[in-house]
C-alpha atoms as a PDB file:
ATOM      1  CA  MET A   1       9.613  -5.042  -0.494  1.00  0.00           C
ATOM      2  CA  TYR A   2       6.565  -2.801  -0.639  1.00  0.00           C
ATOM      3  CA  LEU A   3       3.997  -4.998  -2.384  1.00  0.00           C
ATOM      4  CA  THR A   4       3.358  -8.435  -3.804  1.00  0.00           C
ATOM      5  CA  THR A   5       0.816  -9.287  -6.482  1.00  0.00           C
ATOM      6  CA  PHE A   6      -1.259 -12.397  -5.957  1.00  0.00           C
ATOM      7  CA  ASP A   7      -4.634 -13.922  -6.457  1.00  0.00           C
ATOM      8  CA  PRO A   8      -5.447 -17.206  -4.753  1.00  0.00           C
ATOM      9  CA  PHE A   9      -8.339 -17.823  -7.149  1.00  0.00           C
ATOM     10  CA  SER A  10      -6.205 -18.007 -10.326  1.00  0.00           C
ATOM     11  CA  TRP A  11      -8.129 -15.282 -12.115  1.00  0.00           C
ATOM     12  CA  ASN A  12      -5.263 -14.983 -14.584  1.00  0.00           C
ATOM     13  CA  ALA A  13      -6.095 -18.411 -16.017  1.00  0.00           C
ATOM     14  CA  SER A  14      -9.279 -16.918 -17.474  1.00  0.00           C
ATOM     15  CA  GLY A  15      -7.247 -14.463 -19.538  1.00  0.00           C
ATOM     16  CA  ARG A  16      -8.660 -11.437 -17.759  1.00  0.00           C
ATOM     17  CA  VAL A  17      -5.496  -9.507 -17.107  1.00  0.00           C
ATOM     18  CA  MET A  18      -5.310  -6.013 -15.619  1.00  0.00           C
ATOM     19  CA  PRO A  19      -1.665  -5.028 -16.216  1.00  0.00           C
ATOM     20  CA  LEU A  20      -0.004  -2.756 -13.692  1.00  0.00           C
ATOM     21  CA  ASP A  21       3.198  -0.794 -13.189  1.00  0.00           C
ATOM     22  CA  GLY A  22       4.452  -0.083  -9.674  1.00  0.00           C
ATOM     23  CA  LEU A  23       6.710   2.876  -8.928  1.00  0.00           C
ATOM     24  CA  ARG A  24       8.503   3.552  -5.633  1.00  0.00           C
ATOM     25  CA  ARG A  25       8.825   7.266  -5.098  1.00  0.00           C
ATOM     26  CA  GLU A  26      10.283   9.233  -2.200  1.00  0.00           C
ATOM     27  CA  ASN A  27       7.123   9.389  -0.075  1.00  0.00           C
ATOM     28  CA  ASP A  28       4.780   6.887  -1.691  1.00  0.00           C
ATOM     29  CA  VAL A  29       4.181   3.967  -4.019  1.00  0.00           C
ATOM     30  CA  LEU A  30       2.270   4.630  -7.228  1.00  0.00           C
ATOM     31  CA  LEU A  31       0.406   1.818  -8.980  1.00  0.00           C
ATOM     32  CA  ARG A  32      -0.866   2.315 -12.532  1.00  0.00           C
ATOM     33  CA  PHE A  33      -3.486  -0.139 -13.772  1.00  0.00           C
ATOM     34  CA  ASP A  34      -4.455  -0.365 -17.451  1.00  0.00           C
ATOM     35  CA  VAL A  35      -8.246  -0.351 -17.677  1.00  0.00           C
ATOM     36  CA  PRO A  36      -8.996   0.708 -21.274  1.00  0.00           C
ATOM     37  CA  GLY A  37     -12.617   0.748 -22.350  1.00  0.00           C
ATOM     38  CA  ILE A  38     -13.803   0.523 -18.748  1.00  0.00           C
ATOM     39  CA  ASP A  39     -16.496   2.864 -17.469  1.00  0.00           C
ATOM     40  CA  PRO A  40     -14.852   4.518 -14.423  1.00  0.00           C
ATOM     41  CA  ARG A  41     -18.152   4.154 -12.508  1.00  0.00           C
ATOM     42  CA  THR A  42     -17.595   0.358 -12.492  1.00  0.00           C
ATOM     43  CA  ILE A  43     -14.125   0.594 -10.915  1.00  0.00           C
ATOM     44  CA  GLU A  44     -13.873  -0.294  -7.245  1.00  0.00           C
ATOM     45  CA  VAL A  45     -10.742   0.047  -5.096  1.00  0.00           C
ATOM     46  CA  THR A  46     -10.764  -1.500  -1.616  1.00  0.00           C
ATOM     47  CA  VAL A  47      -8.201  -2.222   1.086  1.00  0.00           C
ATOM     48  CA  GLU A  48      -8.830  -4.971   3.596  1.00  0.00           C
ATOM     49  CA  ARG A  49      -6.342  -6.691   5.918  1.00  0.00           C
ATOM     50  CA  GLY A  50      -3.338  -5.406   3.981  1.00  0.00           C
ATOM     51  CA  VAL A  51      -4.673  -6.365   0.546  1.00  0.00           C
ATOM     52  CA  LEU A  52      -5.500  -3.772  -2.102  1.00  0.00           C
ATOM     53  CA  THR A  53      -8.158  -5.016  -4.527  1.00  0.00           C
ATOM     54  CA  VAL A  54      -9.014  -3.305  -7.807  1.00  0.00           C
ATOM     55  CA  SER A  55     -12.118  -4.522  -9.648  1.00  0.00           C
ATOM     56  CA  ALA A  56     -13.602  -3.206 -12.882  1.00  0.00           C
ATOM     57  CA  GLU A  57     -16.306  -4.325 -15.268  1.00  0.00           C
ATOM     58  CA  ARG A  58     -16.519  -4.097 -19.058  1.00  0.00           C
ATOM     59  CA  GLU A  59     -19.945  -4.523 -20.598  1.00  0.00           C
ATOM     60  CA  GLU A  60     -20.331  -6.492 -23.790  1.00  0.00           C
ATOM     61  CA  GLU A  61     -20.831  -4.062 -26.682  1.00  0.00           C
ATOM     62  CA  ARG A  62     -23.167  -5.735 -29.135  1.00  0.00           C
ATOM     63  CA  ALA A  63     -26.555  -4.788 -30.501  1.00  0.00           C
ATOM     64  CA  ASP A  64     -29.414  -7.114 -31.414  1.00  0.00           C
ATOM     65  CA  GLY A  65     -28.700  -8.928 -34.662  1.00  0.00           C
ATOM     66  CA  GLU A  66     -24.904  -8.488 -34.385  1.00  0.00           C
ATOM     67  CA  ARG A  67     -22.610 -11.522 -34.109  1.00  0.00           C
ATOM     68  CA  PHE A  68     -18.892 -11.544 -33.394  1.00  0.00           C
ATOM     69  CA  PHE A  69     -16.604 -12.970 -36.074  1.00  0.00           C
ATOM     70  CA  VAL A  70     -13.487 -11.895 -34.096  1.00  0.00           C
ATOM     71  CA  ARG A  71     -13.566 -11.426 -30.336  1.00  0.00           C
ATOM     72  CA  GLU A  72     -10.377 -10.426 -28.520  1.00  0.00           C
ATOM     73  CA  ARG A  73     -11.719  -7.756 -26.154  1.00  0.00           C
ATOM     74  CA  LEU A  74     -12.950  -9.586 -23.093  1.00  0.00           C
ATOM     75  CA  ALA A  75     -16.063  -8.534 -21.244  1.00  0.00           C
ATOM     76  CA  GLY A  76     -16.950  -9.181 -17.639  1.00  0.00           C
ATOM     77  CA  THR A  77     -15.347  -8.423 -14.290  1.00  0.00           C
ATOM     78  CA  PHE A  78     -11.598  -7.932 -13.954  1.00  0.00           C
ATOM     79  CA  THR A  79      -9.884  -8.094 -10.576  1.00  0.00           C
ATOM     80  CA  ARG A  80      -6.321  -7.532  -9.423  1.00  0.00           C
ATOM     81  CA  ARG A  81      -5.098  -8.004  -5.848  1.00  0.00           C
ATOM     82  CA  VAL A  82      -1.892  -6.629  -4.353  1.00  0.00           C
ATOM     83  CA  ARG A  83      -0.618  -7.426  -0.859  1.00  0.00           C
ATOM     84  CA  LEU A  84       0.641  -4.242   0.793  1.00  0.00           C
ATOM     85  CA  SER A  85       3.694  -4.150   3.014  1.00  0.00           C
ATOM     86  CA  GLU A  86       3.410  -2.903   6.592  1.00  0.00           C
ATOM     87  CA  ARG A  87       5.649  -0.060   5.412  1.00  0.00           C
ATOM     88  CA  LEU A  88       2.722   1.400   3.467  1.00  0.00           C
ATOM     89  CA  ASN A  89      -0.111   3.443   4.984  1.00  0.00           C
ATOM     90  CA  ALA A  90      -3.182   1.504   3.854  1.00  0.00           C
ATOM     91  CA  ASP A  91      -5.461   4.042   5.586  1.00  0.00           C
ATOM     92  CA  ALA A  92      -4.381   6.846   3.226  1.00  0.00           C
ATOM     93  CA  VAL A  93      -4.817   5.219  -0.211  1.00  0.00           C
ATOM     94  CA  GLU A  94      -5.933   7.570  -3.000  1.00  0.00           C
ATOM     95  CA  ALA A  95      -7.127   6.697  -6.517  1.00  0.00           C
ATOM     96  CA  ALA A  96      -7.663   8.670  -9.736  1.00  0.00           C
ATOM     97  CA  TYR A  97      -8.745   7.656 -13.251  1.00  0.00           C
ATOM     98  CA  SER A  98      -7.727   9.304 -16.544  1.00  0.00           C
ATOM     99  CA  ASN A  99      -7.544   8.114 -20.159  1.00  0.00           C
ATOM    100  CA  GLY A 100      -7.945   4.415 -19.405  1.00  0.00           C
ATOM    101  CA  VAL A 101      -5.381   4.366 -16.567  1.00  0.00           C
ATOM    102  CA  LEU A 102      -6.233   4.022 -12.879  1.00  0.00           C
ATOM    103  CA  GLU A 103      -3.564   5.477 -10.598  1.00  0.00           C
ATOM    104  CA  VAL A 104      -3.496   4.341  -6.975  1.00  0.00           C
ATOM    105  CA  ARG A 105      -1.204   6.225  -4.581  1.00  0.00           C
ATOM    106  CA  ILE A 106      -0.173   4.650  -1.276  1.00  0.00           C
ATOM    107  CA  PRO A 107       1.935   6.740   1.122  1.00  0.00           C
ATOM    108  CA  VAL A 108       4.958   5.214   2.827  1.00  0.00           C
ATOM    109  CA  THR A 109       4.747   5.218   6.640  1.00  0.00           C
ATOM    110  CA  GLU A 110       6.991   7.654   8.487  1.00  0.00           C
ATOM    111  CA  GLN A 111       8.954   4.753  10.002  1.00  0.00           C
ATOM    112  CA  ALA A 112       9.810   3.394   6.546  1.00  0.00           C
ATOM    113  CA  LYS A 113      11.038   6.695   5.085  1.00  0.00           C
ATOM    114  CA  PRO A 114      14.788   7.102   4.763  1.00  0.00           C
ATOM    115  CA  ARG A 115      16.285   9.319   7.415  1.00  0.00           C
ATOM    116  CA  LYS A 116      19.650  10.891   7.873  1.00  0.00           C
ATOM    117  CA  VAL A 117      21.604   9.774  10.929  1.00  0.00           C
ATOM    118  CA  GLU A 118      23.535  12.506  12.697  1.00  0.00           C
ATOM    119  CA  ILE A 119      27.182  11.739  13.353  1.00  0.00           C
ATOM    120  CA  ARG A 120      28.420  13.165  16.632  1.00  0.00           C
ATOM    121  CA  GLN A 121      31.974  14.240  17.169  1.00  0.00           C
ATOM    122  CA  ALA A 122      33.577  12.036  19.807  1.00  0.00           C
ATOM    123  CA  GLU A 123      35.608  13.756  22.513  1.00  0.00           C
ATOM    124  CA  SER A 124      39.295  13.150  22.077  1.00  0.00           C
ATOM    125  CA  ARG A 125      41.090  11.681  25.072  1.00  0.00           C
ATOM    126  CA  GLU A 126      44.762  11.373  25.517  1.00  0.00           C
ATOM    127  CA  LEU A 127      45.999   7.997  26.549  1.00  0.00           C
ATOM    128  CA  ALA A 128      47.517   7.899  30.023  1.00  0.00           C
ATOM    129  CA  SER A 129      51.073   6.596  30.046  1.00  0.00           C
END
């Protein structure tokens, strides 16, 4: 297994969800986080002790004199934590943002990459009678 999502502080109970898709590719793992309506300058990606943390903030959009009569778009800080496997190179994490999606690429370590095992031809020996 390459990663496990968790948050010991039960952030999900507040309804602030940052959905993600995780893809295992040949040489890396790609995580895609939905962060619509988020200013990319508020997004922070950190790795510490094998845990990748993505935080983002959405400001409340309301002018003086305006009152909500329906409010489904949450404002505030959103955080998602993912525990990285030792098979991933946490020192080489890269992130990019486009059209409301944050992509985080984590390379697989050389030791974890599939490798082809060479099969040697055994010398044939005749049995002595």
